[in-house]
């Protein structure tokens, strides 16, 4: 697999994490989902791009225009909005 905390061996994959966020929302864990998505959104803003993955120290890697990350985060945000509208929040 290579060195620890590099690429598939410990990298932080936003596109995968955002899928987990979607499932938290879908299963009634909105507060936990919000807590977990904030660091992902913060990285996107800080690094001005939707990177494919991040090193353990938060350094972005791969494409800065990775559509998998953008799409899964956008869907999670849409799910938050739908939940908020439904719950009048």
PDB file of N, CA and C in Angstrom:
ATOM      1  N   UNK A   1       0.813  -1.195   0.000  1.00  0.00           N
ATOM      2  CA  UNK A   1       0.000   0.000   0.000  1.00  0.00           C
ATOM      3  C   UNK A   1       0.853   1.254   0.000  1.00  0.00           C
ATOM      4  N   UNK A   2       2.068   1.182   0.387  1.00  0.00           N
ATOM      5  CA  UNK A   2       2.884   2.376   0.422  1.00  0.00           C
ATOM      6  C   UNK A   2       3.055   2.896   1.831  1.00  0.00           C
ATOM      7  N   UNK A   3       3.527   4.124   1.920  1.00  0.00           N
ATOM      8  CA  UNK A   3       3.781   4.758   3.213  1.00  0.00           C
ATOM      9  C   UNK A   3       2.464   5.056   3.934  1.00  0.00           C
ATOM     10  N   UNK A   4       2.504   5.004   5.285  1.00  0.00           N
ATOM     11  CA  UNK A   4       1.292   5.339   6.052  1.00  0.00           C
ATOM     12  C   UNK A   4       0.820   6.768   5.779  1.00  0.00           C
ATOM     13  N   UNK A   5      -0.465   6.947   5.810  1.00  0.00           N
ATOM     14  CA  UNK A   5      -1.129   8.252   5.657  1.00  0.00           C
ATOM     15  C   UNK A   5      -0.903   8.891   4.294  1.00  0.00           C
ATOM     16  N   UNK A   6      -0.661   8.090   3.304  1.00  0.00           N
ATOM     17  CA  UNK A   6      -0.480   8.584   1.944  1.00  0.00           C
ATOM     18  C   UNK A   6      -1.523   7.918   1.043  1.00  0.00           C
ATOM     19  N   UNK A   7      -2.181   8.701   0.251  1.00  0.00           N
ATOM     20  CA  UNK A   7      -3.162   8.281  -0.739  1.00  0.00           C
ATOM     21  C   UNK A   7      -4.139   7.271  -0.146  1.00  0.00           C
ATOM     22  N   UNK A   8      -4.181   6.046  -0.638  1.00  0.00           N
ATOM     23  CA  UNK A   8      -5.177   5.083  -0.178  1.00  0.00           C
ATOM     24  C   UNK A   8      -4.870   4.541   1.213  1.00  0.00           C
ATOM     25  N   UNK A   9      -3.706   4.832   1.712  1.00  0.00           N
ATOM     26  CA  UNK A   9      -3.325   4.315   3.017  1.00  0.00           C
ATOM     27  C   UNK A   9      -3.426   5.416   4.079  1.00  0.00           C
ATOM     28  N   UNK A  10      -4.576   6.033   4.173  1.00  0.00           N
ATOM     29  CA  UNK A  10      -4.804   7.002   5.232  1.00  0.00           C
ATOM     30  C   UNK A  10      -5.147   8.400   4.770  1.00  0.00           C
ATOM     31  N   UNK A  11      -5.299   8.618   3.476  1.00  0.00           N
ATOM     32  CA  UNK A  11      -5.688   9.937   3.005  1.00  0.00           C
ATOM     33  C   UNK A  11      -7.116  10.265   3.394  1.00  0.00           C
ATOM     34  N   UNK A  12      -7.433  11.543   3.438  1.00  0.00           N
ATOM     35  CA  UNK A  12      -8.769  12.035   3.759  1.00  0.00           C
ATOM     36  C   UNK A  12      -9.489  12.296   2.441  1.00  0.00           C
ATOM     37  N   UNK A  13     -10.495  11.508   2.160  1.00  0.00           N
ATOM     38  CA  UNK A  13     -11.212  11.564   0.891  1.00  0.00           C
ATOM     39  C   UNK A  13     -12.568  12.231   1.080  1.00  0.00           C
ATOM     40  N   UNK A  14     -12.672  13.492   0.701  1.00  0.00           N
ATOM     41  CA  UNK A  14     -13.910  14.247   0.901  1.00  0.00           C
ATOM     42  C   UNK A  14     -15.091  13.609   0.186  1.00  0.00           C
ATOM     43  N   UNK A  15     -14.889  13.121  -1.029  1.00  0.00           N
ATOM     44  CA  UNK A  15     -16.016  12.538  -1.768  1.00  0.00           C
ATOM     45  C   UNK A  15     -16.604  11.353  -1.009  1.00  0.00           C
ATOM     46  N   UNK A  16     -15.772  10.594  -0.328  1.00  0.00           N
ATOM     47  CA  UNK A  16     -16.267   9.450   0.435  1.00  0.00           C
ATOM     48  C   UNK A  16     -16.900   9.926   1.738  1.00  0.00           C
ATOM     49  N   UNK A  17     -16.243  10.860   2.408  1.00  0.00           N
ATOM     50  CA  UNK A  17     -16.780  11.395   3.656  1.00  0.00           C
ATOM     51  C   UNK A  17     -18.141  12.043   3.467  1.00  0.00           C
ATOM     52  N   UNK A  18     -18.308  12.746   2.361  1.00  0.00           N
ATOM     53  CA  UNK A  18     -19.589  13.404   2.094  1.00  0.00           C
ATOM     54  C   UNK A  18     -20.702  12.379   1.874  1.00  0.00           C
ATOM     55  N   UNK A  19     -20.365  11.222   1.352  1.00  0.00           N
ATOM     56  CA  UNK A  19     -21.374  10.155   1.223  1.00  0.00           C
ATOM     57  C   UNK A  19     -21.824   9.681   2.606  1.00  0.00           C
ATOM     58  N   UNK A  20     -20.875   9.630   3.539  1.00  0.00           N
ATOM     59  CA  UNK A  20     -21.227   9.258   4.909  1.00  0.00           C
ATOM     60  C   UNK A  20     -22.128  10.320   5.535  1.00  0.00           C
ATOM     61  N   UNK A  21     -21.839  11.594   5.251  1.00  0.00           N
ATOM     62  CA  UNK A  21     -22.667  12.698   5.739  1.00  0.00           C
ATOM     63  C   UNK A  21     -24.097  12.533   5.225  1.00  0.00           C
ATOM     64  N   UNK A  22     -24.228  12.217   3.957  1.00  0.00           N
ATOM     65  CA  UNK A  22     -25.552  12.033   3.370  1.00  0.00           C
ATOM     66  C   UNK A  22     -26.338  10.958   4.119  1.00  0.00           C
ATOM     67  N   UNK A  23     -25.666   9.885   4.481  1.00  0.00           N
ATOM     68  CA  UNK A  23     -26.352   8.808   5.194  1.00  0.00           C
ATOM     69  C   UNK A  23     -26.713   9.206   6.620  1.00  0.00           C
ATOM     70  N   UNK A  24     -25.857  10.005   7.257  1.00  0.00           N
ATOM     71  CA  UNK A  24     -26.209  10.507   8.584  1.00  0.00           C
ATOM     72  C   UNK A  24     -27.491  11.331   8.511  1.00  0.00           C
ATOM     73  N   UNK A  25     -27.565  12.219   7.524  1.00  0.00           N
ATOM     74  CA  UNK A  25     -28.764  13.058   7.360  1.00  0.00           C
ATOM     75  C   UNK A  25     -29.988  12.180   7.072  1.00  0.00           C
ATOM     76  N   UNK A  26     -29.830  11.247   6.169  1.00  0.00           N
ATOM     77  CA  UNK A  26     -30.945  10.384   5.772  1.00  0.00           C
ATOM     78  C   UNK A  26     -31.474   9.535   6.923  1.00  0.00           C
ATOM     79  N   UNK A  27     -30.630   9.316   7.923  1.00  0.00           N
ATOM     80  CA  UNK A  27     -31.020   8.446   9.027  1.00  0.00           C
ATOM     81  C   UNK A  27     -31.237   9.187  10.346  1.00  0.00           C
ATOM     82  N   UNK A  28     -31.445  10.517  10.254  1.00  0.00           N
ATOM     83  CA  UNK A  28     -31.832  11.280  11.424  1.00  0.00           C
ATOM     84  C   UNK A  28     -30.704  11.774  12.322  1.00  0.00           C
ATOM     85  N   UNK A  29     -29.486  11.766  11.824  1.00  0.00           N
ATOM     86  CA  UNK A  29     -28.341  12.236  12.608  1.00  0.00           C
ATOM     87  C   UNK A  29     -27.825  13.563  12.054  1.00  0.00           C
ATOM     88  N   UNK A  30     -28.722  14.540  11.954  1.00  0.00           N
ATOM     89  CA  UNK A  30     -28.385  15.816  11.339  1.00  0.00           C
ATOM     90  C   UNK A  30     -27.308  16.579  12.113  1.00  0.00           C
ATOM     91  N   UNK A  31     -27.396  16.573  13.428  1.00  0.00           N
ATOM     92  CA  UNK A  31     -26.405  17.297  14.233  1.00  0.00           C
ATOM     93  C   UNK A  31     -25.008  16.705  14.039  1.00  0.00           C
ATOM     94  N   UNK A  32     -24.917  15.389  14.059  1.00  0.00           N
ATOM     95  CA  UNK A  32     -23.631  14.731  13.840  1.00  0.00           C
ATOM     96  C   UNK A  32     -23.118  15.007  12.432  1.00  0.00           C
ATOM     97  N   UNK A  33     -24.034  14.993  11.470  1.00  0.00           N
ATOM     98  CA  UNK A  33     -23.664  15.261  10.083  1.00  0.00           C
ATOM     99  C   UNK A  33     -23.093  16.666   9.943  1.00  0.00           C
ATOM    100  N   UNK A  34     -23.741  17.626  10.593  1.00  0.00           N
ATOM    101  CA  UNK A  34     -23.261  19.006  10.526  1.00  0.00           C
ATOM    102  C   UNK A  34     -21.865  19.124  11.136  1.00  0.00           C
ATOM    103  N   UNK A  35     -21.663  18.495  12.287  1.00  0.00           N
ATOM    104  CA  UNK A  35     -20.349  18.533  12.935  1.00  0.00           C
ATOM    105  C   UNK A  35     -19.256  17.954  12.036  1.00  0.00           C
ATOM    106  N   UNK A  36     -19.603  16.919  11.295  1.00  0.00           N
ATOM    107  CA  UNK A  36     -18.611  16.237  10.454  1.00  0.00           C
ATOM    108  C   UNK A  36     -18.376  16.929   9.106  1.00  0.00           C
ATOM    109  N   UNK A  37     -19.366  17.638   8.597  1.00  0.00           N
ATOM    110  CA  UNK A  37     -19.185  18.284   7.285  1.00  0.00           C
ATOM    111  C   UNK A  37     -18.420  19.601   7.391  1.00  0.00           C
ATOM    112  N   UNK A  38     -18.489  20.256   8.544  1.00  0.00           N
ATOM    113  CA  UNK A  38     -17.820  21.561   8.695  1.00  0.00           C
ATOM    114  C   UNK A  38     -16.337  21.519   8.328  1.00  0.00           C
ATOM    115  N   UNK A  39     -15.547  20.557   8.824  1.00  0.00           N
ATOM    116  CA  UNK A  39     -14.131  20.535   8.434  1.00  0.00           C
ATOM    117  C   UNK A  39     -13.925  20.345   6.931  1.00  0.00           C
ATOM    118  N   UNK A  40     -14.820  19.613   6.293  1.00  0.00           N
ATOM    119  CA  UNK A  40     -14.708  19.402   4.846  1.00  0.00           C
ATOM    120  C   UNK A  40     -14.947  20.711   4.100  1.00  0.00           C
ATOM    121  N   UNK A  41     -15.982  21.416   4.493  1.00  0.00           N
ATOM    122  CA  UNK A  41     -16.295  22.690   3.853  1.00  0.00           C
ATOM    123  C   UNK A  41     -15.186  23.706   4.128  1.00  0.00           C
ATOM    124  N   UNK A  42     -14.673  23.694   5.343  1.00  0.00           N
ATOM    125  CA  UNK A  42     -13.570  24.600   5.687  1.00  0.00           C
ATOM    126  C   UNK A  42     -12.352  24.359   4.803  1.00  0.00           C
ATOM    127  N   UNK A  43     -12.047  23.083   4.512  1.00  0.00           N
ATOM    128  CA  UNK A  43     -10.903  22.768   3.637  1.00  0.00           C
ATOM    129  C   UNK A  43     -11.140  23.258   2.213  1.00  0.00           C
ATOM    130  N   UNK A  44     -12.356  23.105   1.720  1.00  0.00           N
ATOM    131  CA  UNK A  44     -12.685  23.578   0.372  1.00  0.00           C
ATOM    132  C   UNK A  44     -12.481  25.087   0.288  1.00  0.00           C
ATOM    133  N   UNK A  45     -12.973  25.802   1.293  1.00  0.00           N
ATOM    134  CA  UNK A  45     -12.842  27.263   1.297  1.00  0.00           C
ATOM    135  C   UNK A  45     -11.380  27.669   1.438  1.00  0.00           C
ATOM    136  N   UNK A  46     -10.692  27.078   2.393  1.00  0.00           N
ATOM    137  CA  UNK A  46      -9.289  27.419   2.644  1.00  0.00           C
ATOM    138  C   UNK A  46      -8.409  27.183   1.421  1.00  0.00           C
ATOM    139  N   UNK A  47      -8.642  26.069   0.731  1.00  0.00           N
ATOM    140  CA  UNK A  47      -7.790  25.691  -0.398  1.00  0.00           C
ATOM    141  C   UNK A  47      -8.345  26.115  -1.759  1.00  0.00           C
ATOM    142  N   UNK A  48      -9.507  26.779  -1.734  1.00  0.00           N
ATOM    143  CA  UNK A  48     -10.110  27.326  -2.957  1.00  0.00           C
ATOM    144  C   UNK A  48     -10.249  26.275  -4.060  1.00  0.00           C
ATOM    145  N   UNK A  49     -10.759  25.111  -3.671  1.00  0.00           N
ATOM    146  CA  UNK A  49     -10.963  24.071  -4.665  1.00  0.00           C
ATOM    147  C   UNK A  49     -11.513  22.794  -4.045  1.00  0.00           C
ATOM    148  N   UNK A  50     -12.044  21.949  -4.894  1.00  0.00           N
ATOM    149  CA  UNK A  50     -12.579  20.652  -4.487  1.00  0.00           C
ATOM    150  C   UNK A  50     -11.525  19.597  -4.802  1.00  0.00           C
ATOM    151  N   UNK A  51     -10.572  19.455  -3.902  1.00  0.00           N
ATOM    152  CA  UNK A  51      -9.470  18.521  -4.131  1.00  0.00           C
ATOM    153  C   UNK A  51      -9.934  17.084  -3.996  1.00  0.00           C
ATOM    154  N   UNK A  52      -9.197  16.222  -4.677  1.00  0.00           N
ATOM    155  CA  UNK A  52      -9.522  14.796  -4.662  1.00  0.00           C
ATOM    156  C   UNK A  52      -9.336  14.195  -3.272  1.00  0.00           C
ATOM    157  N   UNK A  53      -8.259  14.577  -2.590  1.00  0.00           N
ATOM    158  CA  UNK A  53      -8.002  14.045  -1.252  1.00  0.00           C
ATOM    159  C   UNK A  53      -7.025  14.936  -0.515  1.00  0.00           C
ATOM    160  N   UNK A  54      -6.858  14.675   0.792  1.00  0.00           N
ATOM    161  CA  UNK A  54      -5.970  15.468   1.641  1.00  0.00           C
ATOM    162  C   UNK A  54      -5.040  14.548   2.418  1.00  0.00           C
ATOM    163  N   UNK A  55      -3.806  15.006   2.608  1.00  0.00           N
ATOM    164  CA  UNK A  55      -2.863  14.302   3.469  1.00  0.00           C
ATOM    165  C   UNK A  55      -3.324  14.437   4.915  1.00  0.00           C
ATOM    166  N   UNK A  56      -2.746  13.646   5.801  1.00  0.00           N
ATOM    167  CA  UNK A  56      -3.123  13.678   7.212  1.00  0.00           C
ATOM    168  C   UNK A  56      -2.910  15.061   7.830  1.00  0.00           C
ATOM    169  N   UNK A  57      -1.983  15.855   7.278  1.00  0.00           N
ATOM    170  CA  UNK A  57      -1.739  17.211   7.787  1.00  0.00           C
ATOM    171  C   UNK A  57      -2.653  18.255   7.151  1.00  0.00           C
ATOM    172  N   UNK A  58      -3.595  17.825   6.312  1.00  0.00           N
ATOM    173  CA  UNK A  58      -4.543  18.738   5.685  1.00  0.00           C
ATOM    174  C   UNK A  58      -4.091  19.302   4.352  1.00  0.00           C
ATOM    175  N   UNK A  59      -2.902  18.914   3.887  1.00  0.00           N
ATOM    176  CA  UNK A  59      -2.391  19.397   2.601  1.00  0.00           C
ATOM    177  C   UNK A  59      -3.203  18.762   1.461  1.00  0.00           C
ATOM    178  N   UNK A  60      -3.738  19.598   0.548  1.00  0.00           N
ATOM    179  CA  UNK A  60      -4.540  19.056  -0.547  1.00  0.00           C
ATOM    180  C   UNK A  60      -3.686  18.299  -1.560  1.00  0.00           C
ATOM    181  N   UNK A  61      -4.321  17.330  -2.224  1.00  0.00           N
ATOM    182  CA  UNK A  61      -3.631  16.532  -3.234  1.00  0.00           C
ATOM    183  C   UNK A  61      -4.614  16.133  -4.332  1.00  0.00           C
ATOM    184  N   UNK A  62      -4.064  15.778  -5.457  1.00  0.00           N
ATOM    185  CA  UNK A  62      -4.897  15.402  -6.592  1.00  0.00           C
ATOM    186  C   UNK A  62      -5.484  16.631  -7.266  1.00  0.00           C
ATOM    187  N   UNK A  63      -6.468  16.399  -8.079  1.00  0.00           N
ATOM    188  CA  UNK A  63      -7.113  17.477  -8.820  1.00  0.00           C
ATOM    189  C   UNK A  63      -7.806  18.462  -7.889  1.00  0.00           C
ATOM    190  N   UNK A  64      -7.666  19.763  -8.184  1.00  0.00           N
ATOM    191  CA  UNK A  64      -8.355  20.806  -7.414  1.00  0.00           C
ATOM    192  C   UNK A  64      -9.783  21.002  -7.904  1.00  0.00           C
ATOM    193  N   UNK A  65     -10.143  20.312  -8.968  1.00  0.00           N
ATOM    194  CA  UNK A  65     -11.483  20.422  -9.537  1.00  0.00           C
ATOM    195  C   UNK A  65     -12.137  19.048  -9.602  1.00  0.00           C
ATOM    196  N   UNK A  66     -11.956  18.285  -8.550  1.00  0.00           N
ATOM    197  CA  UNK A  66     -12.463  16.912  -8.523  1.00  0.00           C
ATOM    198  C   UNK A  66     -13.979  16.925  -8.375  1.00  0.00           C
ATOM    199  N   UNK A  67     -14.657  16.535  -9.416  1.00  0.00           N
ATOM    200  CA  UNK A  67     -16.120  16.611  -9.439  1.00  0.00           C
ATOM    201  C   UNK A  67     -16.783  15.682  -8.434  1.00  0.00           C
ATOM    202  N   UNK A  68     -16.107  14.595  -8.075  1.00  0.00           N
ATOM    203  CA  UNK A  68     -16.657  13.691  -7.066  1.00  0.00           C
ATOM    204  C   UNK A  68     -16.826  14.390  -5.725  1.00  0.00           C
ATOM    205  N   UNK A  69     -15.826  15.178  -5.333  1.00  0.00           N
ATOM    206  CA  UNK A  69     -15.918  15.924  -4.073  1.00  0.00           C
ATOM    207  C   UNK A  69     -16.983  17.011  -4.167  1.00  0.00           C
ATOM    208  N   UNK A  70     -16.976  17.749  -5.250  1.00  0.00           N
ATOM    209  CA  UNK A  70     -17.953  18.830  -5.421  1.00  0.00           C
ATOM    210  C   UNK A  70     -19.372  18.284  -5.411  1.00  0.00           C
ATOM    211  N   UNK A  71     -19.605  17.219  -6.125  1.00  0.00           N
ATOM    212  CA  UNK A  71     -20.950  16.665  -6.235  1.00  0.00           C
ATOM    213  C   UNK A  71     -21.478  16.087  -4.943  1.00  0.00           C
ATOM    214  N   UNK A  72     -20.639  15.338  -4.227  1.00  0.00           N
ATOM    215  CA  UNK A  72     -21.128  14.735  -2.989  1.00  0.00           C
ATOM    216  C   UNK A  72     -21.339  15.774  -1.898  1.00  0.00           C
ATOM    217  N   UNK A  73     -20.474  16.775  -1.847  1.00  0.00           N
ATOM    218  CA  UNK A  73     -20.685  17.861  -0.879  1.00  0.00           C
ATOM    219  C   UNK A  73     -21.942  18.655  -1.230  1.00  0.00           C
ATOM    220  N   UNK A  74     -22.141  18.945  -2.505  1.00  0.00           N
ATOM    221  CA  UNK A  74     -23.335  19.691  -2.926  1.00  0.00           C
ATOM    222  C   UNK A  74     -24.607  18.928  -2.567  1.00  0.00           C
ATOM    223  N   UNK A  75     -24.612  17.631  -2.775  1.00  0.00           N
ATOM    224  CA  UNK A  75     -25.796  16.844  -2.431  1.00  0.00           C
ATOM    225  C   UNK A  75     -26.039  16.859  -0.918  1.00  0.00           C
ATOM    226  N   UNK A  76     -24.986  16.752  -0.131  1.00  0.00           N
ATOM    227  CA  UNK A  76     -25.143  16.808   1.326  1.00  0.00           C
ATOM    228  C   UNK A  76     -25.725  18.154   1.757  1.00  0.00           C
ATOM    229  N   UNK A  77     -25.230  19.230   1.162  1.00  0.00           N
ATOM    230  CA  UNK A  77     -25.751  20.570   1.482  1.00  0.00           C
ATOM    231  C   UNK A  77     -27.223  20.676   1.084  1.00  0.00           C
ATOM    232  N   UNK A  78     -27.567  20.134  -0.065  1.00  0.00           N
ATOM    233  CA  UNK A  78     -28.965  20.121  -0.512  1.00  0.00           C
ATOM    234  C   UNK A  78     -29.830  19.357   0.482  1.00  0.00           C
ATOM    235  N   UNK A  79     -29.317  18.240   0.975  1.00  0.00           N
ATOM    236  CA  UNK A  79     -30.073  17.453   1.957  1.00  0.00           C
ATOM    237  C   UNK A  79     -30.269  18.236   3.253  1.00  0.00           C
ATOM    238  N   UNK A  80     -29.246  18.991   3.690  1.00  0.00           N
ATOM    239  CA  UNK A  80     -29.397  19.851   4.867  1.00  0.00           C
ATOM    240  C   UNK A  80     -30.493  20.890   4.633  1.00  0.00           C
ATOM    241  N   UNK A  81     -30.489  21.503   3.468  1.00  0.00           N
ATOM    242  CA  UNK A  81     -31.498  22.524   3.163  1.00  0.00           C
ATOM    243  C   UNK A  81     -32.902  21.940   3.165  1.00  0.00           C
ATOM    244  N   UNK A  82     -33.056  20.767   2.561  1.00  0.00           N
ATOM    245  CA  UNK A  82     -34.366  20.118   2.531  1.00  0.00           C
ATOM    246  C   UNK A  82     -34.823  19.774   3.945  1.00  0.00           C
ATOM    247  N   UNK A  83     -33.904  19.289   4.772  1.00  0.00           N
ATOM    248  CA  UNK A  83     -34.235  18.973   6.163  1.00  0.00           C
ATOM    249  C   UNK A  83     -34.664  20.240   6.909  1.00  0.00           C
ATOM    250  N   UNK A  84     -33.927  21.323   6.709  1.00  0.00           N
ATOM    251  CA  UNK A  84     -34.238  22.592   7.385  1.00  0.00           C
ATOM    252  C   UNK A  84     -35.610  23.112   6.964  1.00  0.00           C
ATOM    253  N   UNK A  85     -35.911  23.038   5.669  1.00  0.00           N
ATOM    254  CA  UNK A  85     -37.227  23.495   5.180  1.00  0.00           C
ATOM    255  C   UNK A  85     -38.347  22.643   5.767  1.00  0.00           C
ATOM    256  N   UNK A  86     -38.132  21.345   5.792  1.00  0.00           N
ATOM    257  CA  UNK A  86     -39.140  20.428   6.326  1.00  0.00           C
ATOM    258  C   UNK A  86     -39.379  20.665   7.806  1.00  0.00           C
ATOM    259  N   UNK A  87     -38.339  21.018   8.520  1.00  0.00           N
ATOM    260  CA  UNK A  87     -38.427  21.202   9.973  1.00  0.00           C
ATOM    261  C   UNK A  87     -38.556  22.673  10.367  1.00  0.00           C
ATOM    262  N   UNK A  88     -38.775  23.534   9.388  1.00  0.00           N
ATOM    263  CA  UNK A  88     -38.991  24.969   9.621  1.00  0.00           C
ATOM    264  C   UNK A  88     -37.845  25.599  10.435  1.00  0.00           C
ATOM    265  N   UNK A  89     -36.631  25.241  10.063  1.00  0.00           N
ATOM    266  CA  UNK A  89     -35.452  25.770  10.768  1.00  0.00           C
ATOM    267  C   UNK A  89     -34.770  26.804   9.916  1.00  0.00           C
TER     268      UNK A  89
END
